[in-house]
Structure formats: C-alpha cells, structure tokens
C-alpha cells in the first residue's frame, strides 16, 4: 500500500476530518460512515503490510492510517450523538 492511497482521508492538527471526493453524496452521517469504513480498511491493509515487511516506514504508515481511522470514528460517533438529540 502506497502513500497515495492514504490521501483519501486527511486529519488536520485540530482533529477535523476532511471528506474528499469519493464519498457517497447525501447526508453527513452517510459520508462519515463511508469515511470511517474506508479509513478502517486502509488501516487494516497498512497493518498487514507492516506485518509482512516490518520496518520503520511501514510502521509510520500504519500509525498514520490508525490515526485517520480513529479520527473518522470520533467524527462518526459525534454525528451519531447529534442525531440522537
């Protein structure tokens, strides 16, 4: 898995999740769900790559993907809580 594949989701220093083209159009919750699933899949692939070829580069790629997955999960949970009110 290359670095280009990790450009779909970015997290700013503020922890704000940035949704980019490729997410399904519609309500924010659906877009956040897509972002979380995508980030989770990328994290799994990065972890698998690190396990196959343990190196500091693969570890950093995996950690960045894990951070994106965490941020996407937080954004999804926040949207869910707002919907419940």
N, C-alpha and C. Protein backbone atom coordinates (compact mmCIF):
# COMPACT_ATOMS: atom_id res chain seq x y z
N UNK A 1 0.86 -1.18 0.00
CA UNK A 1 0.00 0.00 0.00
C UNK A 1 0.90 1.23 0.00
N UNK A 2 0.64 2.14 -0.93
CA UNK A 2 1.47 3.32 -1.05
C UNK A 2 0.88 4.53 -0.35
N UNK A 3 1.69 5.57 -0.30
CA UNK A 3 1.25 6.80 0.36
C UNK A 3 0.07 7.45 -0.35
N UNK A 4 0.00 7.31 -1.68
CA UNK A 4 -1.11 7.91 -2.42
C UNK A 4 -2.46 7.38 -1.96
N UNK A 5 -2.50 6.12 -1.57
CA UNK A 5 -3.75 5.53 -1.13
C UNK A 5 -4.22 6.11 0.20
N UNK A 6 -3.34 6.75 0.92
CA UNK A 6 -3.71 7.34 2.21
C UNK A 6 -4.15 8.79 2.07
N UNK A 7 -4.20 9.31 0.87
CA UNK A 7 -4.61 10.70 0.67
C UNK A 7 -6.12 10.88 0.62
N UNK A 8 -6.88 9.79 0.64
CA UNK A 8 -8.33 9.90 0.61
C UNK A 8 -8.87 10.60 1.85
N UNK A 9 -8.24 10.33 2.97
CA UNK A 9 -8.68 10.94 4.23
C UNK A 9 -7.49 11.63 4.87
N UNK A 10 -7.69 12.83 5.30
CA UNK A 10 -6.65 13.58 5.98
C UNK A 10 -7.22 14.10 7.28
N UNK A 11 -6.37 14.23 8.27
CA UNK A 11 -6.80 14.79 9.54
C UNK A 11 -5.93 16.00 9.81
N UNK A 12 -6.56 17.14 9.98
CA UNK A 12 -5.82 18.34 10.34
C UNK A 12 -5.35 18.24 11.78
N UNK A 13 -4.43 19.09 12.17
CA UNK A 13 -3.93 19.09 13.53
C UNK A 13 -5.05 19.28 14.54
N UNK A 14 -6.12 19.95 14.14
CA UNK A 14 -7.24 20.18 15.04
C UNK A 14 -8.07 18.92 15.26
N UNK A 15 -7.78 17.85 14.52
CA UNK A 15 -8.55 16.63 14.63
C UNK A 15 -9.77 16.62 13.73
N UNK A 16 -9.91 17.65 12.90
CA UNK A 16 -11.05 17.75 11.99
C UNK A 16 -10.87 16.77 10.83
N UNK A 17 -11.89 15.98 10.58
CA UNK A 17 -11.85 15.03 9.48
C UNK A 17 -12.22 15.74 8.19
N UNK A 18 -11.45 15.52 7.15
CA UNK A 18 -11.71 16.14 5.87
C UNK A 18 -12.24 15.06 4.93
N UNK A 19 -13.46 15.26 4.43
CA UNK A 19 -14.04 14.33 3.48
C UNK A 19 -13.71 14.83 2.07
N UNK A 20 -13.21 13.94 1.25
CA UNK A 20 -12.82 14.33 -0.10
C UNK A 20 -13.70 13.60 -1.11
N UNK A 21 -13.63 13.99 -2.38
CA UNK A 21 -14.43 13.31 -3.39
C UNK A 21 -14.24 11.80 -3.34
N UNK A 22 -15.32 11.11 -3.59
CA UNK A 22 -15.30 9.65 -3.50
C UNK A 22 -16.33 9.18 -2.49
N UNK A 23 -16.64 10.04 -1.53
CA UNK A 23 -17.68 9.70 -0.56
C UNK A 23 -19.03 9.78 -1.25
N UNK A 24 -19.96 8.93 -0.84
CA UNK A 24 -21.28 8.98 -1.47
C UNK A 24 -21.98 10.29 -1.12
N UNK A 25 -22.67 10.89 -2.07
CA UNK A 25 -23.38 12.13 -1.77
C UNK A 25 -24.56 11.86 -0.85
N UNK A 26 -24.94 12.83 -0.12
CA UNK A 26 -26.09 12.66 0.76
C UNK A 26 -25.84 13.30 2.10
N UNK A 27 -26.45 12.73 3.11
CA UNK A 27 -26.34 13.33 4.43
C UNK A 27 -24.96 13.13 5.02
N UNK A 28 -24.64 13.95 5.97
CA UNK A 28 -23.32 13.94 6.59
C UNK A 28 -23.03 12.60 7.24
N UNK A 29 -24.03 12.00 7.88
CA UNK A 29 -23.82 10.72 8.56
C UNK A 29 -23.35 9.65 7.58
N UNK A 30 -23.97 9.57 6.41
CA UNK A 30 -23.57 8.58 5.40
C UNK A 30 -22.14 8.83 4.93
N UNK A 31 -21.79 10.09 4.76
CA UNK A 31 -20.43 10.42 4.33
C UNK A 31 -19.42 10.04 5.41
N UNK A 32 -19.76 10.29 6.67
CA UNK A 32 -18.85 9.94 7.76
C UNK A 32 -18.73 8.42 7.91
N UNK A 33 -19.82 7.71 7.70
CA UNK A 33 -19.77 6.26 7.75
C UNK A 33 -18.85 5.72 6.65
N UNK A 34 -18.97 6.28 5.44
CA UNK A 34 -18.08 5.89 4.34
C UNK A 34 -16.63 6.18 4.70
N UNK A 35 -16.39 7.36 5.28
CA UNK A 35 -15.02 7.75 5.63
C UNK A 35 -14.44 6.80 6.67
N UNK A 36 -15.25 6.43 7.66
CA UNK A 36 -14.76 5.52 8.70
C UNK A 36 -14.45 4.15 8.13
N UNK A 37 -15.35 3.63 7.31
CA UNK A 37 -15.11 2.31 6.71
C UNK A 37 -13.87 2.32 5.83
N UNK A 38 -13.71 3.37 5.07
CA UNK A 38 -12.55 3.49 4.20
C UNK A 38 -11.26 3.56 5.02
N UNK A 39 -11.27 4.39 6.05
CA UNK A 39 -10.09 4.54 6.91
C UNK A 39 -9.77 3.24 7.64
N UNK A 40 -10.79 2.55 8.10
CA UNK A 40 -10.60 1.28 8.80
C UNK A 40 -9.97 0.25 7.86
N UNK A 41 -10.44 0.19 6.62
CA UNK A 41 -9.88 -0.75 5.65
C UNK A 41 -8.43 -0.41 5.32
N UNK A 42 -8.13 0.88 5.19
CA UNK A 42 -6.75 1.30 4.91
C UNK A 42 -5.84 0.97 6.09
N UNK A 43 -6.35 1.13 7.29
CA UNK A 43 -5.57 0.81 8.48
C UNK A 43 -5.24 -0.68 8.52
N UNK A 44 -6.22 -1.49 8.22
CA UNK A 44 -6.00 -2.95 8.20
C UNK A 44 -4.97 -3.33 7.15
N UNK A 45 -5.08 -2.73 5.97
CA UNK A 45 -4.11 -3.02 4.91
C UNK A 45 -2.70 -2.56 5.30
N UNK A 46 -2.61 -1.41 5.94
CA UNK A 46 -1.30 -0.90 6.38
C UNK A 46 -0.71 -1.80 7.46
N UNK A 47 -1.55 -2.28 8.36
CA UNK A 47 -1.08 -3.20 9.40
C UNK A 47 -0.56 -4.49 8.77
N UNK A 48 -1.31 -5.03 7.83
CA UNK A 48 -0.89 -6.25 7.14
C UNK A 48 0.45 -6.05 6.42
N UNK A 49 0.61 -4.88 5.78
CA UNK A 49 1.87 -4.58 5.09
C UNK A 49 3.02 -4.50 6.09
N UNK A 50 2.77 -3.90 7.24
CA UNK A 50 3.80 -3.79 8.27
C UNK A 50 4.18 -5.18 8.79
N UNK A 51 3.18 -6.05 8.96
CA UNK A 51 3.47 -7.41 9.43
C UNK A 51 4.29 -8.20 8.41
N UNK A 52 4.01 -7.99 7.13
CA UNK A 52 4.76 -8.69 6.07
C UNK A 52 6.19 -8.17 5.96
N UNK A 53 6.35 -6.88 6.18
CA UNK A 53 7.66 -6.25 5.99
C UNK A 53 7.90 -5.24 7.11
N UNK A 54 8.23 -5.72 8.30
CA UNK A 54 8.39 -4.80 9.42
C UNK A 54 9.56 -3.84 9.20
N UNK A 55 9.22 -2.59 9.14
CA UNK A 55 10.22 -1.53 9.00
C UNK A 55 9.65 -0.27 9.63
N UNK A 56 10.51 0.68 9.88
CA UNK A 56 10.03 1.93 10.49
C UNK A 56 9.09 2.67 9.54
N UNK A 57 9.33 2.59 8.24
CA UNK A 57 8.46 3.25 7.27
C UNK A 57 7.06 2.64 7.29
N UNK A 58 6.99 1.32 7.26
CA UNK A 58 5.68 0.66 7.29
C UNK A 58 4.96 0.93 8.60
N UNK A 59 5.72 1.02 9.69
CA UNK A 59 5.10 1.32 10.98
C UNK A 59 4.49 2.72 10.99
N UNK A 60 5.22 3.68 10.47
CA UNK A 60 4.72 5.06 10.42
C UNK A 60 3.48 5.14 9.53
N UNK A 61 3.48 4.45 8.42
CA UNK A 61 2.31 4.43 7.54
C UNK A 61 1.12 3.83 8.27
N UNK A 62 1.36 2.74 9.00
CA UNK A 62 0.27 2.12 9.77
C UNK A 62 -0.24 3.06 10.85
N UNK A 63 0.65 3.73 11.57
CA UNK A 63 0.21 4.65 12.63
C UNK A 63 -0.59 5.82 12.06
N UNK A 64 -0.18 6.33 10.92
CA UNK A 64 -0.94 7.43 10.29
C UNK A 64 -2.33 6.94 9.88
N UNK A 65 -2.40 5.74 9.35
CA UNK A 65 -3.70 5.18 8.97
C UNK A 65 -4.56 4.94 10.20
N UNK A 66 -3.95 4.49 11.29
CA UNK A 66 -4.70 4.27 12.53
C UNK A 66 -5.23 5.60 13.07
N UNK A 67 -4.43 6.66 12.99
CA UNK A 67 -4.89 7.98 13.42
C UNK A 67 -6.08 8.45 12.61
N UNK A 68 -6.03 8.22 11.30
CA UNK A 68 -7.16 8.61 10.45
C UNK A 68 -8.41 7.80 10.79
N UNK A 69 -8.24 6.51 11.03
CA UNK A 69 -9.38 5.67 11.39
C UNK A 69 -9.98 6.12 12.72
N UNK A 70 -9.12 6.47 13.67
CA UNK A 70 -9.61 6.97 14.96
C UNK A 70 -10.36 8.28 14.80
N UNK A 71 -9.83 9.18 14.01
CA UNK A 71 -10.50 10.46 13.78
C UNK A 71 -11.83 10.27 13.08
N UNK A 72 -11.86 9.36 12.13
CA UNK A 72 -13.12 9.09 11.42
C UNK A 72 -14.15 8.49 12.37
N UNK A 73 -13.70 7.60 13.25
CA UNK A 73 -14.60 7.00 14.23
C UNK A 73 -15.14 8.07 15.19
N UNK A 74 -14.28 8.97 15.63
CA UNK A 74 -14.72 10.05 16.52
C UNK A 74 -15.74 10.96 15.84
N UNK A 75 -15.48 11.27 14.58
CA UNK A 75 -16.42 12.13 13.84
C UNK A 75 -17.76 11.42 13.65
N UNK A 76 -17.72 10.13 13.36
CA UNK A 76 -18.95 9.36 13.20
C UNK A 76 -19.72 9.29 14.51
N UNK A 77 -19.03 9.05 15.61
CA UNK A 77 -19.69 9.00 16.92
C UNK A 77 -20.30 10.35 17.27
N UNK A 78 -19.60 11.43 16.97
CA UNK A 78 -20.14 12.76 17.23
C UNK A 78 -21.40 13.03 16.43
N UNK A 79 -21.40 12.62 15.18
CA UNK A 79 -22.60 12.80 14.34
C UNK A 79 -23.75 11.95 14.87
N UNK A 80 -23.44 10.75 15.32
CA UNK A 80 -24.47 9.87 15.87
C UNK A 80 -25.10 10.50 17.12
N UNK A 81 -24.25 11.05 17.99
CA UNK A 81 -24.77 11.69 19.22
C UNK A 81 -25.63 12.89 18.87
N UNK A 82 -25.24 13.66 17.88
CA UNK A 82 -26.04 14.83 17.48
C UNK A 82 -27.38 14.40 16.91
N UNK A 83 -27.41 13.27 16.20
CA UNK A 83 -28.66 12.76 15.62
C UNK A 83 -29.63 12.31 16.69
N UNK A 84 -29.11 11.78 17.79
CA UNK A 84 -29.96 11.25 18.85
C UNK A 84 -30.70 12.33 19.62
N UNK A 85 -30.21 13.54 19.59
CA UNK A 85 -30.83 14.63 20.38
C UNK A 85 -32.14 15.04 19.83
